[in-house]
Every structure is written in structure tokens, then in C-alpha cells.
Amino acid sequence: MSSLASSEPPGHESEAERAAPTPKGAPDETQRLLSIQRGAGNRAVNRLLARRGLLQRQEAVEQAPARTPAQLDADIDDAIRDKDWGRVAQTLNGFSDDADITSRVSSDRRLKGHRRELMEGALRTMIRLPPPQRVALVIYTVDGAAARLGRMDYVKGAIARGDWEGAALGLNGFSNDDIRRFLPHNEAQLNSLRAGALTAMPGWSDRVTNPIDELLRDPWALRSADERILHVMERLIDTYHYPVNGAAGLVGNLRAESGVLPSRIEGSAEATPLRAADSSGTVRDFTPDEVMNRSQPSGGHGGTGPRMPGTGLAQWTSGNRRAGLFTFNNIGSAILFDMDAQVDYLVTELGASFGPLNHRLQNATVTLDGAADDVLDHFEVPADPEASRPARGPGPPTPRPSTKQPTPPPPRPRPPLRSNSTSTKSGRPRPAPPTAAPPPRCTRVPAASRSRPPGPVGGCVDPWRRCRGREARGRDRRHAR
């Protein structure tokens, strides 16, 4: 108490001290101590607010004269005209009655189609103010979908601006699933976001920092599928000397099984590789140890860990093969985050238990389609191979050119001979013969009868010269007539 009091110059007395009521009948010394206590407490609060950047805003609000609802509505019109949704939200916050905010957000035609932008503006301008965040809460109550989209826009914008504290506060308003969905997949950004969460929410940042820690523990989840595919291809080719087609056939099947994500468990999404249903059907996140120590439910009850057994790059399922993954080189559950160790286990298993298949994959003459089908039929062996076959290969096969010769067109019918007589014996007019179609200007010469190499176009012998010459002769005849 004395240290706070001594921080002011001697003889200084704050407005709070002068305004503090004096207890009746109290001795002078007691009155003096109470006055110092009140003043020191107020100064301590002011210093705390100043450190958080809130004192100036609070003083401005206190000093601003109260505005009437009509004046606030006029300010809203001006802010909407400028498309400044942050100012619209701040103006709405100036209404003293929450019912005034609710009526305008729910029914005002000026705001009805812009609740998403209004939510983003409210968070951008007031998310650091002490609760309650009145405007954001009203938008969430009136239109939850627009509030979620506006919060998503705000978080994306805060990350783009490098406002990591604001981004962490915005994420904290989402559900646990949405927090994981909207986290950036970039290691540097995740570290910055984690630091921002610890600064903005000291002591209560677990909802944001825990999923960040899970992502940072799994570096392969932060890389794109193309990067993961390339890494496994290079390891198979450079370290284990598989031909390109054999390695591609293997990786095509891994892509269909796990997205080439070593931590992925069966039934999970690529964005949340350790999140799936348990034996009771509840979708939740699992720790690596829970995945490793999964037990089969007995009689439809009990069981620990994920409900479905598939794990890792190849979604190893059967008991011995799945257990071998975790005992490989005594790595344990950490192998879920070790891409190279899982590729090593895959190659070891191929050599030890699938020798003929491994020999075919390492053959330099193996084709891409053949390698993909061989791995599918003899290594992965899914319940319905044909249903998953298109997703495991390199793509739809290229149509092969047909070796069958095209059928020549039927011969053109010859027109009947003309007669000099224009009438029949009965005197009736003779019908006019059908008019034959004119022959093509430039006919193709069959390849067998070519006497010299073809000209500029396919099967024609100097077609440009021949066609031009024929056109010129016809033009000359027309001019001669």
C-alpha cells in the first residue's frame, strides 16, 4: 500500500481521493488512510488499463456526450455509405439498451443482408474490449450462420495482417472442431499464433494452444499431399532403388489408403488425422498411445482407442502387421509421426512377407498400371478391389490407337445417261435425272500408289499446288465463257 501511495508527488491528491466520502466520527488518521487507499487503488487500476491500451478509449467514451437514437441512426447511415462495418458496429454499441441493438440487427433493412460483414467489423474493432461484446453476441443470437462466417473472415484477415493476438481471440470463439479446421498449416504461423494466444489469454488459452501443439508435433500434416508423395517417391527410388514405375505403383496405393499421411487412422479426415470414432461411436481425438494400444471391443462393448484398426501410411489393419508397425526398431507410438520409419517398415515387410510381389516391383520392366494393380491385389487386398482400383492407379488409362483399318466409303452412284428427247412415247415430260454432287476439289492419293513423298498435308501429293491449279483452271474457263 505504501509503495502505491509513494508513486505520486508529495501533496498530490487525485480526483478520486477528493471525491471519496469521509466516514462520520472517524479519526483524522483513519480518514487519511482511507483516502490514500481509495486513491492508490484507482491509480493502480488506471495504470493497468493504460498498459492494455484501454484507458484512452475508456476516457474518450466517458467524455463523449450521450447521443440520441436518431443521431446514432444517422451515424450508421454514414458508416454504411462508406462501407465501414467496423464503425457501424461501434455505433451500434453506443445504444444503451440491448433491445435497440437487437431490433436493428434483426429487422433493419440496412443491416439484414450484411450481418456477416457486421460481425467481422465488430470483432475487428472491439474484440479486445472487456466483455460482454454486445454487438457480436446479438449477431450470433439473430443469425448464427452469418456470425460464424464473419468470425471466419476476421480470423483469416487477422492472420494475413499478422495480428496473432487478435487471431487467437477470434479462434477462441469457435467450436473445438472449427478451431482445428481454421488453423493455418504453416509452422512459422502456428508458432506465432501460439505466442499470441499465450499473450492475449494468459491462463485460459488451452482451447487454442492444444490443437496447435498437436499440429506442431506432426510436421507431415503441415505439408501438402504433393510434398508428401514426392518425399516417399524419392526415398523408394534413391534409398531402396525401386524403378520409377514400381515406386509410383506403391505410392498410388498409399495415396488411396492414407493420403500419404503417416499419422492418419482409419475413419479420420486428412485435416484431423487422429480424430475418429471410438468403440461407442463418439468422434474424438486420440493420443498416439491410445492408437497404439487399441483393444478390440468384446461383444460390442468395451474396447479402447479407435473403433477401426487401420493405421499409418498403408493403413495396417491385421493384428501382426499392425503390431509390427509399432515394434519396428522399438520406436513405439512415435512412429505415427515418422514418415521415413514407416517407409522403412513398408519395404522391410515387402521383402520379408511379400517376396514375389517385391521382386516384380523392383523389375525395371514393370509398368505403372501393372505395379499399381499388383500392390492392390497382393499387398493391400481391400474388401472390394474393383471399387477402389481407379483411385490407386496413376489415372484413367490412355486409349490405345486402333490397328483396324478404316472401312472405305461406299462407291458413289453414277448418274443415269441423259437422253436428247425431253418426252416419253406417251407424250408426258421425261423426269429430270438426279443431280450428282460435284467431285471434291482435291482427292487424297492412297498411300500404296504414292510415287513420291507426301506433300504438306497427309496423303495428298503437293495438295496445295494441285488445288490451286484446279481452281485457277476453272476460273479461266469461266472467264473464257
Protein backbone atom coordinates (compact mmCIF):
# COMPACT_ATOMS: atom_id res chain seq x y z
CA MET A 1 0.00 0.00 0.00
CA SER A 2 2.78 2.44 0.88
CA SER A 3 4.60 1.77 -2.40
CA LEU A 4 1.50 2.71 -4.39
CA ALA A 5 1.00 5.86 -2.35
CA SER A 6 4.62 6.95 -2.75
CA SER A 7 4.43 6.76 -6.54
CA GLU A 8 2.70 10.18 -6.68
CA PRO A 9 4.42 13.52 -5.91
CA PRO A 10 4.12 14.79 -2.33
CA GLY A 11 0.95 16.68 -1.62
CA HIS A 12 -0.76 15.25 -4.74
CA GLU A 13 -4.37 14.25 -4.31
CA SER A 14 -6.34 12.58 -7.09
CA GLU A 15 -9.92 13.38 -8.06
CA ALA A 16 -10.97 10.04 -6.56
CA GLU A 17 -9.40 10.99 -3.23
CA ARG A 18 -11.13 14.33 -3.15
CA ALA A 19 -14.45 12.75 -4.09
CA ALA A 20 -14.15 9.93 -1.56
CA PRO A 21 -16.76 10.21 1.23
CA THR A 22 -15.47 10.82 4.73
CA PRO A 23 -16.77 8.39 7.37
CA LYS A 24 -18.60 10.22 10.12
CA GLY A 25 -16.94 10.15 13.51
CA ALA A 26 -13.71 8.60 12.21
CA PRO A 27 -10.42 9.99 13.49
CA ASP A 28 -8.37 12.18 11.17
CA GLU A 29 -5.69 9.48 10.72
CA THR A 30 -8.32 6.91 9.73
CA GLN A 31 -9.80 9.30 7.20
CA ARG A 32 -6.39 9.95 5.74
CA LEU A 33 -5.59 6.24 5.36
CA LEU A 34 -8.94 5.52 3.73
CA SER A 35 -8.41 8.36 1.31
CA ILE A 36 -4.95 7.10 0.38
CA GLN A 37 -6.30 3.56 -0.08
CA ARG A 38 -9.03 4.67 -2.46
CA GLY A 39 -6.73 6.89 -4.47
CA ALA A 40 -3.96 4.29 -4.69
CA GLY A 41 -6.44 1.64 -5.83
CA ASN A 42 -7.82 3.87 -8.55
CA ARG A 43 -4.32 4.76 -9.76
CA ALA A 44 -3.37 1.06 -9.86
CA VAL A 45 -6.41 0.27 -11.99
CA ASN A 46 -5.64 3.19 -14.30
CA ARG A 47 -2.04 2.02 -14.76
CA LEU A 48 -3.29 -1.50 -15.60
CA LEU A 49 -5.74 -0.16 -18.16
CA ALA A 50 -3.07 2.08 -19.68
CA ARG A 51 -0.75 -0.91 -20.12
CA ARG A 52 -3.51 -2.73 -22.02
CA GLY A 53 -4.31 0.25 -24.20
CA LEU A 54 -7.83 0.62 -22.82
CA LEU A 55 -7.61 3.75 -20.69
CA GLN A 56 -7.61 6.22 -23.56
CA ARG A 57 -10.64 4.52 -25.17
CA GLN A 58 -12.49 4.42 -21.86
CA GLU A 59 -11.82 8.08 -21.14
CA ALA A 60 -12.98 9.00 -24.63
CA VAL A 61 -16.21 7.10 -24.11
CA GLU A 62 -16.76 8.74 -20.74
CA GLN A 63 -16.07 12.22 -22.09
CA ALA A 64 -18.22 11.83 -25.23
CA PRO A 65 -21.68 13.36 -24.84
CA ALA A 66 -24.57 10.93 -24.98
CA ARG A 67 -26.08 10.72 -28.46
CA THR A 68 -29.74 10.24 -29.16
CA PRO A 69 -31.00 7.18 -31.10
CA ALA A 70 -31.74 9.44 -34.08
CA GLN A 71 -28.16 10.71 -34.10
CA LEU A 72 -26.81 7.14 -33.84
CA ASP A 73 -29.01 6.04 -36.75
CA ALA A 74 -27.64 8.92 -38.82
CA ASP A 75 -24.10 7.81 -37.93
CA ILE A 76 -24.99 4.27 -39.04
CA ASP A 77 -26.18 5.63 -42.38
CA ASP A 78 -22.89 7.46 -42.87
CA ALA A 79 -20.83 4.39 -41.97
CA ILE A 80 -22.86 2.14 -44.29
CA ARG A 81 -22.41 4.63 -47.11
CA ASP A 82 -18.64 4.41 -46.53
CA LYS A 83 -18.86 0.58 -46.21
CA ASP A 84 -17.11 0.87 -42.86
CA TRP A 85 -18.68 -2.03 -40.99
CA GLY A 86 -16.35 -1.62 -38.05
CA ARG A 87 -17.73 1.86 -37.48
CA VAL A 88 -21.28 0.54 -37.90
CA ALA A 89 -20.62 -1.98 -35.13
CA GLN A 90 -19.09 0.66 -32.85
CA THR A 91 -22.09 2.91 -33.42
CA LEU A 92 -24.48 0.10 -32.58
CA ASN A 93 -22.51 -0.45 -29.39
CA GLY A 94 -23.38 3.15 -28.44
CA PHE A 95 -27.03 2.26 -27.84
CA SER A 96 -27.59 1.94 -24.13
CA ASP A 97 -30.36 -0.64 -24.46
CA ASP A 98 -29.54 -4.09 -25.88
CA ALA A 99 -33.06 -4.22 -27.30
CA ASP A 100 -32.17 -1.31 -29.61
CA ILE A 101 -29.20 -3.29 -30.97
CA THR A 102 -31.28 -6.44 -31.39
CA SER A 103 -34.11 -4.67 -33.23
CA ARG A 104 -31.72 -3.10 -35.72
CA VAL A 105 -29.66 -6.25 -36.36
CA SER A 106 -32.76 -8.43 -36.79
CA SER A 107 -35.16 -6.12 -38.64
CA ASP A 108 -33.34 -3.09 -40.04
CA ARG A 109 -33.27 -3.38 -43.83
CA ARG A 110 -29.91 -1.58 -43.85
CA LEU A 111 -28.24 -4.42 -41.93
CA LYS A 112 -30.24 -7.51 -42.87
CA GLY A 113 -28.05 -8.60 -45.76
CA HIS A 114 -24.77 -7.54 -44.16
CA ARG A 115 -24.63 -9.41 -40.86
CA ARG A 116 -21.52 -11.30 -41.93
CA GLU A 117 -19.63 -8.06 -42.66
CA LEU A 118 -21.03 -6.54 -39.47
CA MET A 119 -19.71 -9.47 -37.41
CA GLU A 120 -16.25 -9.15 -38.95
CA GLY A 121 -16.27 -5.40 -38.25
CA ALA A 122 -17.43 -5.89 -34.66
CA LEU A 123 -14.60 -8.34 -33.94
CA ARG A 124 -12.00 -6.25 -35.74
CA THR A 125 -12.79 -3.10 -33.76
CA MET A 126 -13.92 -4.42 -30.36
CA ILE A 127 -12.57 -7.91 -29.74
CA ARG A 128 -10.01 -6.61 -27.24
CA LEU A 129 -12.57 -4.68 -25.19
CA PRO A 130 -13.69 -6.20 -21.89
CA PRO A 131 -16.76 -8.44 -22.18
CA PRO A 132 -19.57 -8.54 -22.90
CA GLN A 133 -19.19 -7.98 -26.64
CA ARG A 134 -22.75 -6.83 -27.08
CA VAL A 135 -22.91 -6.48 -30.88
CA ALA A 136 -21.22 -9.81 -31.60
CA LEU A 137 -23.50 -11.60 -29.13
CA VAL A 138 -26.62 -10.11 -30.74
CA ILE A 139 -25.48 -11.13 -34.26
CA TYR A 140 -24.80 -14.65 -33.01
CA THR A 141 -28.28 -14.83 -31.45
CA VAL A 142 -30.08 -13.46 -34.51
CA ASP A 143 -28.11 -15.24 -37.28
CA GLY A 144 -25.64 -17.88 -36.11
CA ALA A 145 -24.54 -18.81 -39.64
CA ALA A 146 -23.64 -15.22 -40.52
CA ALA A 147 -21.84 -14.83 -37.18
CA ARG A 148 -19.71 -17.92 -37.88
CA LEU A 149 -18.81 -16.72 -41.38
CA GLY A 150 -17.97 -13.26 -40.08
CA ARG A 151 -15.72 -14.72 -37.38
CA MET A 152 -14.03 -16.87 -40.02
CA ASP A 153 -13.40 -13.75 -42.16
CA TYR A 154 -11.98 -11.93 -39.16
CA VAL A 155 -9.58 -14.77 -38.24
CA LYS A 156 -8.33 -15.09 -41.81
CA GLY A 157 -7.81 -11.33 -42.02
CA ALA A 158 -6.02 -11.20 -38.67
CA ILE A 159 -3.64 -13.99 -39.76
CA ALA A 160 -2.99 -12.18 -43.04
CA ARG A 161 -2.25 -8.94 -41.14
CA GLY A 162 -0.01 -10.70 -38.64
CA ASP A 163 -2.34 -9.81 -35.75
CA TRP A 164 -1.68 -13.03 -33.83
CA GLU A 165 -3.31 -11.96 -30.57
CA GLY A 166 -6.50 -10.95 -32.39
CA ALA A 167 -6.46 -14.19 -34.42
CA ALA A 168 -6.15 -16.24 -31.22
CA LEU A 169 -9.04 -14.36 -29.59
CA GLY A 170 -11.14 -14.90 -32.72
CA LEU A 171 -10.36 -18.62 -32.83
CA ASN A 172 -11.33 -18.98 -29.19
CA GLY A 173 -14.92 -18.10 -30.14
CA PHE A 174 -15.22 -21.16 -32.42
CA SER A 175 -16.11 -24.71 -31.51
CA ASN A 176 -13.24 -27.15 -30.99
CA ASP A 177 -13.76 -28.65 -34.44
CA ASP A 178 -13.71 -25.24 -36.13
CA ILE A 179 -10.56 -24.23 -34.27
CA ARG A 180 -8.77 -27.22 -35.79
CA ARG A 181 -10.33 -26.55 -39.19
CA PHE A 182 -9.21 -22.93 -39.40
CA LEU A 183 -5.68 -23.28 -38.01
CA PRO A 184 -3.02 -22.37 -40.59
CA HIS A 185 -0.89 -25.26 -41.85
CA ASN A 186 2.36 -23.38 -41.65
CA GLU A 187 4.90 -23.99 -38.91
CA ALA A 188 6.03 -20.37 -38.56
CA GLN A 189 2.44 -19.09 -38.43
CA LEU A 190 1.46 -21.72 -35.88
CA ASN A 191 4.32 -20.70 -33.59
CA SER A 192 3.34 -17.03 -33.89
CA LEU A 193 -0.31 -17.86 -33.25
CA ARG A 194 0.61 -19.87 -30.18
CA ALA A 195 2.62 -16.95 -28.76
CA GLY A 196 -0.29 -14.60 -29.49
CA ALA A 197 -2.71 -16.90 -27.66
CA LEU A 198 -0.49 -17.04 -24.58
CA THR A 199 -0.23 -13.23 -24.56
CA ALA A 200 -3.89 -12.46 -25.20
CA MET A 201 -5.34 -15.20 -22.99
CA PRO A 202 -2.92 -15.86 -20.13
CA GLY A 203 -4.04 -18.86 -18.12
CA TRP A 204 -7.01 -19.73 -20.38
CA SER A 205 -5.53 -20.32 -23.84
CA ASP A 206 -5.71 -24.14 -23.86
CA ARG A 207 -8.53 -24.36 -26.41
CA VAL A 208 -6.26 -22.68 -28.97
CA THR A 209 -2.79 -23.82 -27.90
CA ASN A 210 -3.60 -27.54 -27.52
CA PRO A 211 -4.56 -28.14 -31.17
CA ILE A 212 -1.59 -26.01 -32.24
CA ASP A 213 0.70 -28.26 -30.20
CA GLU A 214 -0.82 -31.33 -31.87
CA LEU A 215 -0.12 -29.92 -35.31
CA LEU A 216 3.42 -28.89 -34.43
CA ARG A 217 4.06 -32.41 -33.17
CA ASP A 218 3.06 -33.81 -36.59
CA PRO A 219 5.13 -31.93 -39.19
CA TRP A 220 3.84 -34.05 -42.09
CA ALA A 221 0.31 -32.83 -41.50
CA LEU A 222 1.58 -29.32 -42.28
CA ARG A 223 2.88 -30.30 -45.72
CA SER A 224 0.83 -30.65 -48.89
CA ALA A 225 -0.06 -34.04 -50.33
CA ASP A 226 2.25 -33.38 -53.30
CA GLU A 227 5.19 -32.79 -50.96
CA ARG A 228 4.48 -35.99 -49.07
CA ILE A 229 4.15 -38.04 -52.27
CA LEU A 230 7.41 -36.64 -53.62
CA HIS A 231 9.26 -37.44 -50.39
CA VAL A 232 8.14 -41.09 -50.37
CA MET A 233 8.89 -41.47 -54.10
CA GLU A 234 12.42 -40.16 -53.61
CA ARG A 235 13.04 -42.45 -50.64
CA LEU A 236 11.84 -45.53 -52.53
CA ILE A 237 13.93 -44.66 -55.60
CA ASP A 238 17.09 -43.21 -54.04
CA THR A 239 17.38 -45.34 -50.90
CA TYR A 240 15.79 -48.65 -51.96
CA HIS A 241 16.42 -48.45 -55.73
CA TYR A 242 12.89 -49.16 -56.91
CA PRO A 243 12.26 -48.22 -60.55
CA VAL A 244 10.05 -45.18 -61.06
CA ASN A 245 7.02 -47.24 -62.14
CA GLY A 246 7.34 -49.63 -59.19
CA ALA A 247 7.63 -46.75 -56.71
CA ALA A 248 4.70 -44.94 -58.33
CA GLY A 249 2.52 -48.06 -58.09
CA LEU A 250 3.27 -48.30 -54.37
CA VAL A 251 2.69 -44.60 -53.69
CA GLY A 252 -0.57 -44.60 -55.69
CA ASN A 253 -1.94 -47.19 -53.28
CA LEU A 254 -0.62 -45.27 -50.23
CA ARG A 255 -2.37 -42.16 -51.52
CA ALA A 256 -5.68 -44.02 -51.66
CA GLU A 257 -5.17 -45.58 -48.23
CA SER A 258 -3.99 -42.65 -46.11
CA GLY A 259 -3.33 -39.62 -48.29
CA VAL A 260 0.38 -40.46 -47.65
CA LEU A 261 -0.07 -39.19 -44.08
CA PRO A 262 1.76 -41.36 -41.51
CA SER A 263 -0.36 -40.32 -38.51
CA ARG A 264 -3.71 -41.00 -40.13
CA ILE A 265 -6.06 -43.53 -38.55
CA GLU A 266 -8.95 -45.26 -40.26
CA GLY A 267 -12.14 -43.22 -40.44
CA SER A 268 -10.40 -39.85 -39.99
CA ALA A 269 -10.19 -36.85 -42.29
CA GLU A 270 -6.91 -35.64 -43.74
CA ALA A 271 -7.17 -32.36 -41.81
CA THR A 272 -7.65 -34.23 -38.49
CA PRO A 273 -5.68 -37.49 -38.89
CA LEU A 274 -6.04 -38.58 -35.24
CA ARG A 275 -9.75 -37.83 -34.94
CA ALA A 276 -12.20 -40.71 -35.48
CA ALA A 277 -14.98 -42.67 -33.80
CA ASP A 278 -14.31 -44.76 -30.71
CA SER A 279 -15.97 -48.06 -29.86
CA SER A 280 -19.13 -46.26 -28.73
CA GLY A 281 -19.36 -44.27 -31.95
CA THR A 282 -18.29 -40.96 -30.39
CA VAL A 283 -15.94 -38.99 -32.64
CA ARG A 284 -12.97 -37.66 -30.68
CA ASP A 285 -9.23 -37.10 -30.80
CA PHE A 286 -6.88 -39.92 -29.84
CA THR A 287 -3.37 -39.77 -28.45
CA PRO A 288 -0.64 -41.80 -30.18
CA ASP A 289 -0.55 -44.19 -27.23
CA GLU A 290 -4.31 -44.76 -27.46
CA VAL A 291 -3.90 -45.63 -31.14
CA MET A 292 -1.00 -47.99 -30.45
CA ASN A 293 -2.74 -49.74 -27.51
CA ARG A 294 -6.12 -50.07 -29.22
CA SER A 295 -8.09 -53.09 -28.00
CA GLN A 296 -10.90 -54.87 -29.79
CA PRO A 297 -14.34 -54.48 -28.15
CA SER A 298 -15.81 -57.71 -26.86
CA GLY A 299 -19.46 -58.43 -27.61
CA GLY A 300 -19.98 -54.90 -28.90
CA HIS A 301 -18.89 -53.34 -25.59
CA GLY A 302 -15.66 -52.13 -24.13
CA GLY A 303 -12.55 -51.63 -26.16
CA THR A 304 -10.16 -48.72 -26.10
CA GLY A 305 -8.85 -46.45 -28.78
CA PRO A 306 -10.31 -46.02 -32.27
CA ARG A 307 -13.18 -48.23 -33.34
CA MET A 308 -11.47 -49.19 -36.64
CA PRO A 309 -7.93 -50.59 -36.67
CA GLY A 310 -6.35 -49.13 -39.84
CA THR A 311 -3.22 -47.10 -39.04
CA GLY A 312 -0.40 -45.37 -40.87
CA LEU A 313 0.67 -45.00 -44.49
CA ALA A 314 -0.65 -48.39 -45.62
CA GLN A 315 -3.49 -48.46 -43.05
CA TRP A 316 -2.07 -51.62 -41.48
CA THR A 317 -5.07 -53.49 -40.05
CA SER A 318 -4.40 -57.14 -39.22
CA GLY A 319 -3.04 -57.86 -35.76
CA ASN A 320 0.53 -58.95 -36.54
CA ARG A 321 1.17 -56.41 -39.28
CA ARG A 322 -0.28 -53.55 -37.22
CA ALA A 323 1.66 -54.57 -34.10
CA GLY A 324 4.82 -54.85 -36.18
CA LEU A 325 4.50 -51.19 -37.14
CA PHE A 326 4.78 -50.04 -33.52
CA THR A 327 7.52 -52.52 -32.57
CA PHE A 328 9.65 -51.68 -35.62
CA ASN A 329 13.07 -50.51 -34.38
CA ASN A 330 11.47 -50.03 -30.92
CA ILE A 331 10.06 -46.67 -31.99
CA GLY A 332 6.64 -47.19 -30.38
CA SER A 333 3.80 -44.70 -30.86
CA ALA A 334 6.20 -42.01 -32.12
CA ILE A 335 6.29 -43.85 -35.46
CA LEU A 336 2.94 -42.20 -36.23
CA PHE A 337 4.88 -39.01 -36.90
CA ASP A 338 7.92 -40.60 -38.60
CA MET A 339 7.43 -40.85 -42.37
CA ASP A 340 10.84 -42.38 -43.10
CA ALA A 341 10.44 -45.08 -40.44
CA GLN A 342 7.08 -46.12 -41.88
CA VAL A 343 8.53 -46.32 -45.40
CA ASP A 344 11.38 -48.44 -43.99
CA TYR A 345 8.84 -50.75 -42.32
CA LEU A 346 6.87 -50.98 -45.58
CA VAL A 347 9.95 -52.06 -47.56
CA THR A 348 11.04 -54.48 -44.82
CA GLU A 349 7.59 -56.08 -44.80
CA LEU A 350 7.56 -56.36 -48.60
CA GLY A 351 10.92 -58.12 -48.59
CA ALA A 352 10.11 -60.47 -45.71
CA SER A 353 6.49 -61.45 -46.37
CA PHE A 354 5.76 -60.47 -49.97
CA GLY A 355 8.91 -61.57 -51.80
CA PRO A 356 7.41 -62.33 -55.25
CA LEU A 357 5.50 -59.04 -55.25
CA ASN A 358 8.58 -57.12 -54.16
CA HIS A 359 10.62 -58.79 -56.93
CA ARG A 360 8.07 -57.73 -59.57
CA LEU A 361 8.00 -54.15 -58.26
CA GLN A 362 11.79 -53.92 -58.44
CA ASN A 363 11.87 -55.23 -62.02
CA ALA A 364 12.98 -52.48 -64.38
CA THR A 365 10.36 -53.54 -66.96
CA VAL A 366 7.37 -53.19 -64.63
CA THR A 367 4.62 -50.92 -65.95
CA LEU A 368 2.84 -48.28 -63.93
CA ASP A 369 -0.59 -49.90 -64.22
CA GLY A 370 0.86 -53.34 -63.52
CA ALA A 371 2.64 -52.17 -60.35
CA ALA A 372 -0.46 -50.38 -59.01
CA ASP A 373 -2.70 -53.41 -59.63
CA ASP A 374 -0.14 -55.83 -58.18
CA VAL A 375 0.11 -53.88 -54.91
CA LEU A 376 -3.68 -53.60 -54.71
CA ASP A 377 -4.30 -57.32 -55.29
CA HIS A 378 -1.46 -58.84 -53.26
CA PHE A 379 -0.47 -56.31 -50.56
CA GLU A 380 -3.41 -54.06 -49.65
CA VAL A 381 -6.16 -56.59 -50.52
CA PRO A 382 -9.22 -54.37 -49.76
CA ALA A 383 -12.68 -55.83 -49.38
CA ASP A 384 -13.75 -54.52 -52.80
CA PRO A 385 -10.66 -54.17 -55.03
CA GLU A 386 -12.59 -53.08 -58.12
CA ALA A 387 -14.34 -50.22 -56.34
CA SER A 388 -11.05 -48.69 -55.19
CA ARG A 389 -8.90 -49.56 -58.21
CA PRO A 390 -9.36 -46.22 -60.10
CA ALA A 391 -8.22 -44.20 -57.06
CA ARG A 392 -5.00 -46.21 -56.63
CA GLY A 393 -3.54 -46.09 -60.10
CA PRO A 394 -1.92 -43.24 -61.98
CA GLY A 395 -5.26 -42.24 -63.50
CA PRO A 396 -7.53 -43.40 -66.30
CA PRO A 397 -5.63 -45.37 -68.95
CA THR A 398 -4.77 -43.61 -72.20
CA PRO A 399 -6.83 -45.03 -75.08
CA ARG A 400 -4.66 -47.12 -77.39
CA PRO A 401 -4.75 -46.34 -81.12
CA SER A 402 -6.78 -48.86 -83.09
CA THR A 403 -4.89 -51.12 -85.52
CA LYS A 404 -8.01 -51.85 -87.56
CA GLN A 405 -8.05 -50.19 -90.98
CA PRO A 406 -10.96 -47.79 -91.51
CA THR A 407 -13.77 -49.07 -93.72
CA PRO A 408 -13.66 -47.31 -97.12
CA PRO A 409 -16.77 -45.32 -98.02
CA PRO A 410 -19.23 -46.96 -100.44
CA PRO A 411 -18.79 -46.04 -104.15
CA ARG A 412 -20.74 -43.02 -105.28
CA PRO A 413 -23.70 -44.00 -107.54
CA ARG A 414 -23.28 -42.97 -111.18
CA PRO A 415 -25.96 -40.69 -112.59
CA PRO A 416 -28.17 -42.13 -115.41
CA LEU A 417 -27.35 -41.19 -119.01
CA ARG A 418 -29.19 -38.21 -120.40
CA SER A 419 -31.45 -38.60 -123.45
CA ASN A 420 -31.78 -35.96 -126.13
CA SER A 421 -35.55 -36.43 -126.00
CA THR A 422 -37.42 -34.36 -123.44
CA SER A 423 -40.58 -36.50 -123.53
CA THR A 424 -41.56 -40.14 -123.38
CA LYS A 425 -43.54 -42.07 -126.04
CA SER A 426 -46.78 -41.20 -124.30
CA GLY A 427 -46.01 -37.53 -124.64
CA ARG A 428 -45.55 -36.93 -120.97
CA PRO A 429 -42.44 -34.95 -119.95
CA ARG A 430 -39.47 -37.04 -119.03
CA PRO A 431 -38.44 -36.56 -115.33
CA ALA A 432 -35.18 -34.75 -114.80
CA PRO A 433 -32.31 -37.02 -113.72
CA PRO A 434 -30.95 -36.50 -110.21
CA THR A 435 -28.08 -34.08 -109.97
CA ALA A 436 -24.83 -35.69 -108.83
CA ALA A 437 -22.74 -34.00 -106.15
CA PRO A 438 -19.64 -32.27 -107.55
CA PRO A 439 -16.39 -34.20 -107.01
CA PRO A 440 -14.04 -32.94 -104.32
CA ARG A 441 -11.51 -30.39 -105.40
CA CYS A 442 -8.52 -32.27 -104.04
CA THR A 443 -8.66 -36.02 -103.58
CA ARG A 444 -6.30 -37.98 -101.39
CA VAL A 445 -3.95 -40.39 -103.09
CA PRO A 446 -3.81 -43.86 -101.40
CA ALA A 447 -0.54 -44.49 -99.65
CA ALA A 448 0.19 -47.59 -101.76
CA SER A 449 0.09 -45.61 -105.03
CA ARG A 450 2.29 -42.72 -103.95
CA SER A 451 5.15 -42.25 -106.38
CA ARG A 452 6.94 -39.66 -104.23
CA PRO A 453 6.93 -38.49 -100.61
CA PRO A 454 3.72 -36.80 -99.44
CA GLY A 455 3.40 -33.10 -99.60
CA PRO A 456 2.50 -30.60 -96.90
CA VAL A 457 -0.76 -32.35 -95.90
CA GLY A 458 -1.30 -36.05 -95.04
CA GLY A 459 -1.99 -38.19 -98.11
CA CYS A 460 -2.12 -35.51 -100.83
CA VAL A 461 0.75 -35.19 -103.31
CA ASP A 462 1.50 -31.48 -103.37
CA PRO A 463 -2.15 -30.76 -102.45
CA TRP A 464 -1.79 -27.00 -102.20
CA ARG A 465 -0.36 -26.75 -105.72
CA ARG A 466 -2.91 -29.16 -107.18
CA CYS A 467 -5.90 -27.49 -105.56
CA ARG A 468 -4.77 -24.03 -106.54
CA GLY A 469 -4.12 -25.16 -110.10
CA ARG A 470 -7.55 -26.72 -110.42
CA GLU A 471 -9.23 -23.57 -109.07
CA ALA A 472 -7.22 -21.42 -111.48
CA ARG A 473 -8.22 -23.55 -114.49
CA GLY A 474 -11.89 -23.36 -113.52
CA ARG A 475 -11.66 -19.60 -113.16
CA ASP A 476 -10.03 -19.32 -116.60
CA ARG A 477 -12.84 -21.37 -118.17
CA ARG A 478 -15.48 -19.19 -116.59
CA HIS A 479 -13.77 -16.05 -117.88
CA ALA A 480 -13.49 -17.60 -121.40
CA ARG A 481 -17.24 -18.18 -121.50
